[in-house]
Amino acid sequence: MYKHNKSMVSNAKALRKNMTKEERHLWYDFLRDYPVRFTRQKVIGPYIVDFYCPKANLVIELDGSQHYEDETIRKDAERTAFLEQFHLTVLRIPNNEIHSNFQGVCQHIDWLVQQSLSQLR
């Protein structure tokens, strides 16, 4: 499995305290009370992912406008490839989807979790 990078724990704690409004919305209005446990700002190797569900092998990343610049697209692809090495599914959600289609986002996350859990049975 991936190595936990202890040097990034303090950064992860700071990110938990300073979540974006989209992260707060998804966390407090859906993931925090979701029946399958999610964690936020989880250190996985050299990265800190926004949300992580170990039981479903799911990583959720919320992407602001900076994620659509060429350099960031390349870095995000590297990050996704790293995470997928560990059989993790990476779901990238644009911030504007949190604002315009929150219910649909939640339904999609639920569907992915249920699909993953059904494959474990």
C-alpha atoms as a PDB file:
ATOM      1  CA  MET A   1       0.000   0.000   0.000  1.00  0.00           C
ATOM      2  CA  TYR A   2       1.030   3.637  -0.255  1.00  0.00           C
ATOM      3  CA  LYS A   3       3.269   5.166   2.362  1.00  0.00           C
ATOM      4  CA  HIS A   4       1.830   7.710   4.755  1.00  0.00           C
ATOM      5  CA  ASN A   5       3.904  10.864   4.486  1.00  0.00           C
ATOM      6  CA  LYS A   6       4.183  12.151   8.074  1.00  0.00           C
ATOM      7  CA  SER A   7       5.807  15.390   6.966  1.00  0.00           C
ATOM      8  CA  MET A   8       2.510  16.412   5.332  1.00  0.00           C
ATOM      9  CA  VAL A   9       0.248  15.847   8.344  1.00  0.00           C
ATOM     10  CA  SER A  10       0.520  19.439   9.586  1.00  0.00           C
ATOM     11  CA  ASN A  11      -0.402  20.704   6.091  1.00  0.00           C
ATOM     12  CA  ALA A  12      -3.425  18.387   6.039  1.00  0.00           C
ATOM     13  CA  LYS A  13      -4.546  19.668   9.453  1.00  0.00           C
ATOM     14  CA  ALA A  14      -4.256  23.258   8.233  1.00  0.00           C
ATOM     15  CA  LEU A  15      -6.299  22.426   5.119  1.00  0.00           C
ATOM     16  CA  ARG A  16      -9.010  20.839   7.299  1.00  0.00           C
ATOM     17  CA  LYS A  17      -9.248  24.055   9.292  1.00  0.00           C
ATOM     18  CA  ASN A  18      -9.331  26.208   6.139  1.00  0.00           C
ATOM     19  CA  MET A  19     -11.580  24.287   3.768  1.00  0.00           C
ATOM     20  CA  THR A  20     -12.989  26.067   0.742  1.00  0.00           C
ATOM     21  CA  LYS A  21     -16.696  26.887   0.844  1.00  0.00           C
ATOM     22  CA  GLU A  22     -17.332  24.072  -1.658  1.00  0.00           C
ATOM     23  CA  GLU A  23     -15.430  21.587   0.508  1.00  0.00           C
ATOM     24  CA  ARG A  24     -17.361  22.740   3.585  1.00  0.00           C
ATOM     25  CA  HIS A  25     -20.678  22.384   1.741  1.00  0.00           C
ATOM     26  CA  LEU A  26     -19.920  18.841   0.544  1.00  0.00           C
ATOM     27  CA  TRP A  27     -18.515  17.810   3.926  1.00  0.00           C
ATOM     28  CA  TYR A  28     -21.102  19.290   6.284  1.00  0.00           C
ATOM     29  CA  ASP A  29     -24.135  18.783   4.068  1.00  0.00           C
ATOM     30  CA  PHE A  30     -23.384  15.276   2.809  1.00  0.00           C
ATOM     31  CA  LEU A  31     -20.152  13.380   3.490  1.00  0.00           C
ATOM     32  CA  ARG A  32     -19.808  13.926   7.239  1.00  0.00           C
ATOM     33  CA  ASP A  33     -23.018  12.004   7.959  1.00  0.00           C
ATOM     34  CA  TYR A  34     -22.810   9.599   5.028  1.00  0.00           C
ATOM     35  CA  PRO A  35     -23.263   5.984   6.232  1.00  0.00           C
ATOM     36  CA  VAL A  36     -19.881   4.917   4.807  1.00  0.00           C
ATOM     37  CA  ARG A  37     -17.030   6.796   6.467  1.00  0.00           C
ATOM     38  CA  PHE A  38     -15.156   9.523   4.585  1.00  0.00           C
ATOM     39  CA  THR A  39     -12.172  11.472   5.843  1.00  0.00           C
ATOM     40  CA  ARG A  40     -11.124  14.900   4.668  1.00  0.00           C
ATOM     41  CA  GLN A  41      -7.696  16.162   3.688  1.00  0.00           C
ATOM     42  CA  LYS A  42      -6.140  12.688   3.786  1.00  0.00           C
ATOM     43  CA  VAL A  43      -2.418  12.265   3.164  1.00  0.00           C
ATOM     44  CA  ILE A  44      -1.785   9.596   0.536  1.00  0.00           C
ATOM     45  CA  GLY A  45       1.847   9.360  -0.473  1.00  0.00           C
ATOM     46  CA  PRO A  46       3.082  12.799  -1.551  1.00  0.00           C
ATOM     47  CA  TYR A  47      -0.474  14.174  -1.907  1.00  0.00           C
ATOM     48  CA  ILE A  48      -3.276  15.450   0.264  1.00  0.00           C
ATOM     49  CA  VAL A  49      -6.631  14.467  -1.215  1.00  0.00           C
ATOM     50  CA  ASP A  50      -9.784  16.436  -0.446  1.00  0.00           C
ATOM     51  CA  PHE A  51     -11.939  13.465   0.615  1.00  0.00           C
ATOM     52  CA  TYR A  52     -11.170   9.768   0.967  1.00  0.00           C
ATOM     53  CA  CYS A  53     -13.358   6.720   1.536  1.00  0.00           C
ATOM     54  CA  PRO A  54     -11.115   3.723   2.264  1.00  0.00           C
ATOM     55  CA  LYS A  55     -13.956   1.210   2.266  1.00  0.00           C
ATOM     56  CA  ALA A  56     -14.968   2.184  -1.287  1.00  0.00           C
ATOM     57  CA  ASN A  57     -11.420   2.993  -2.507  1.00  0.00           C
ATOM     58  CA  LEU A  58     -12.705   6.411  -3.545  1.00  0.00           C
ATOM     59  CA  VAL A  59     -10.946   9.772  -3.639  1.00  0.00           C
ATOM     60  CA  ILE A  60     -12.966  12.932  -4.273  1.00  0.00           C
ATOM     61  CA  GLU A  61     -11.201  16.048  -5.482  1.00  0.00           C
ATOM     62  CA  LEU A  62     -12.986  19.387  -5.809  1.00  0.00           C
ATOM     63  CA  ASP A  63     -11.499  21.463  -8.589  1.00  0.00           C
ATOM     64  CA  GLY A  64     -11.533  25.232  -8.762  1.00  0.00           C
ATOM     65  CA  SER A  65     -10.797  27.237 -11.895  1.00  0.00           C
ATOM     66  CA  GLN A  66      -7.010  26.850 -11.498  1.00  0.00           C
ATOM     67  CA  HIS A  67      -7.414  23.142 -12.325  1.00  0.00           C
ATOM     68  CA  TYR A  68      -8.165  24.026 -15.945  1.00  0.00           C
ATOM     69  CA  GLU A  69      -4.784  25.609 -16.656  1.00  0.00           C
ATOM     70  CA  ASP A  70      -2.338  23.510 -18.711  1.00  0.00           C
ATOM     71  CA  GLU A  71       0.262  23.016 -15.970  1.00  0.00           C
ATOM     72  CA  THR A  72      -2.338  22.078 -13.366  1.00  0.00           C
ATOM     73  CA  ILE A  73      -4.050  19.668 -15.768  1.00  0.00           C
ATOM     74  CA  ARG A  74      -0.705  17.895 -16.181  1.00  0.00           C
ATOM     75  CA  LYS A  75      -0.080  17.785 -12.419  1.00  0.00           C
ATOM     76  CA  ASP A  76      -3.612  16.512 -11.765  1.00  0.00           C
ATOM     77  CA  ALA A  77      -3.075  13.728 -14.321  1.00  0.00           C
ATOM     78  CA  GLU A  78       0.142  12.691 -12.525  1.00  0.00           C
ATOM     79  CA  ARG A  79      -1.658  12.768  -9.178  1.00  0.00           C
ATOM     80  CA  THR A  80      -4.538  10.676 -10.515  1.00  0.00           C
ATOM     81  CA  ALA A  81      -2.124   8.137 -12.040  1.00  0.00           C
ATOM     82  CA  PHE A  82      -0.321   7.834  -8.693  1.00  0.00           C
ATOM     83  CA  LEU A  83      -3.567   7.260  -6.796  1.00  0.00           C
ATOM     84  CA  GLU A  84      -4.883   4.768  -9.342  1.00  0.00           C
ATOM     85  CA  GLN A  85      -1.781   2.609  -8.757  1.00  0.00           C
ATOM     86  CA  PHE A  86      -3.399   1.735  -5.425  1.00  0.00           C
ATOM     87  CA  HIS A  87      -6.726   0.804  -7.039  1.00  0.00           C
ATOM     88  CA  LEU A  88      -8.313   4.073  -5.954  1.00  0.00           C
ATOM     89  CA  THR A  89     -11.027   5.666  -8.056  1.00  0.00           C
ATOM     90  CA  VAL A  90     -10.510   9.414  -8.373  1.00  0.00           C
ATOM     91  CA  LEU A  91     -13.633  11.525  -8.842  1.00  0.00           C
ATOM     92  CA  ARG A  92     -12.904  15.110  -9.871  1.00  0.00           C
ATOM     93  CA  ILE A  93     -15.789  17.503  -9.301  1.00  0.00           C
ATOM     94  CA  PRO A  94     -15.682  21.095 -10.583  1.00  0.00           C
ATOM     95  CA  ASN A  95     -16.576  23.616  -7.878  1.00  0.00           C
ATOM     96  CA  ASN A  96     -19.370  25.031 -10.031  1.00  0.00           C
ATOM     97  CA  GLU A  97     -21.103  21.609  -9.894  1.00  0.00           C
ATOM     98  CA  ILE A  98     -21.249  21.909  -6.101  1.00  0.00           C
ATOM     99  CA  HIS A  99     -23.126  25.193  -6.573  1.00  0.00           C
ATOM    100  CA  SER A 100     -25.359  24.294  -9.511  1.00  0.00           C
ATOM    101  CA  ASN A 101     -26.038  20.571  -9.070  1.00  0.00           C
ATOM    102  CA  PHE A 102     -25.338  19.628  -5.451  1.00  0.00           C
ATOM    103  CA  GLN A 103     -28.030  16.946  -5.310  1.00  0.00           C
ATOM    104  CA  GLY A 104     -26.721  15.362  -8.516  1.00  0.00           C
ATOM    105  CA  VAL A 105     -23.156  15.387  -7.153  1.00  0.00           C
ATOM    106  CA  CYS A 106     -24.318  13.653  -3.969  1.00  0.00           C
ATOM    107  CA  GLN A 107     -26.282  11.061  -5.938  1.00  0.00           C
ATOM    108  CA  HIS A 108     -23.246  10.341  -8.123  1.00  0.00           C
ATOM    109  CA  ILE A 109     -20.973   9.921  -5.089  1.00  0.00           C
ATOM    110  CA  ASP A 110     -23.523   7.592  -3.505  1.00  0.00           C
ATOM    111  CA  TRP A 111     -23.753   5.571  -6.739  1.00  0.00           C
ATOM    112  CA  LEU A 112     -19.943   5.222  -6.927  1.00  0.00           C
ATOM    113  CA  VAL A 113     -19.722   4.113  -3.294  1.00  0.00           C
ATOM    114  CA  GLN A 114     -22.521   1.577  -3.732  1.00  0.00           C
ATOM    115  CA  GLN A 115     -20.920   0.221  -6.925  1.00  0.00           C
ATOM    116  CA  SER A 116     -17.581  -0.173  -5.178  1.00  0.00           C
ATOM    117  CA  LEU A 117     -19.115  -1.880  -2.145  1.00  0.00           C
ATOM    118  CA  SER A 118     -21.132  -4.261  -4.301  1.00  0.00           C
ATOM    119  CA  GLN A 119     -17.916  -5.427  -5.990  1.00  0.00           C
ATOM    120  CA  LEU A 120     -16.461  -6.298  -2.581  1.00  0.00           C
ATOM    121  CA  ARG A 121     -19.293  -8.685  -1.725  1.00  0.00           C
END
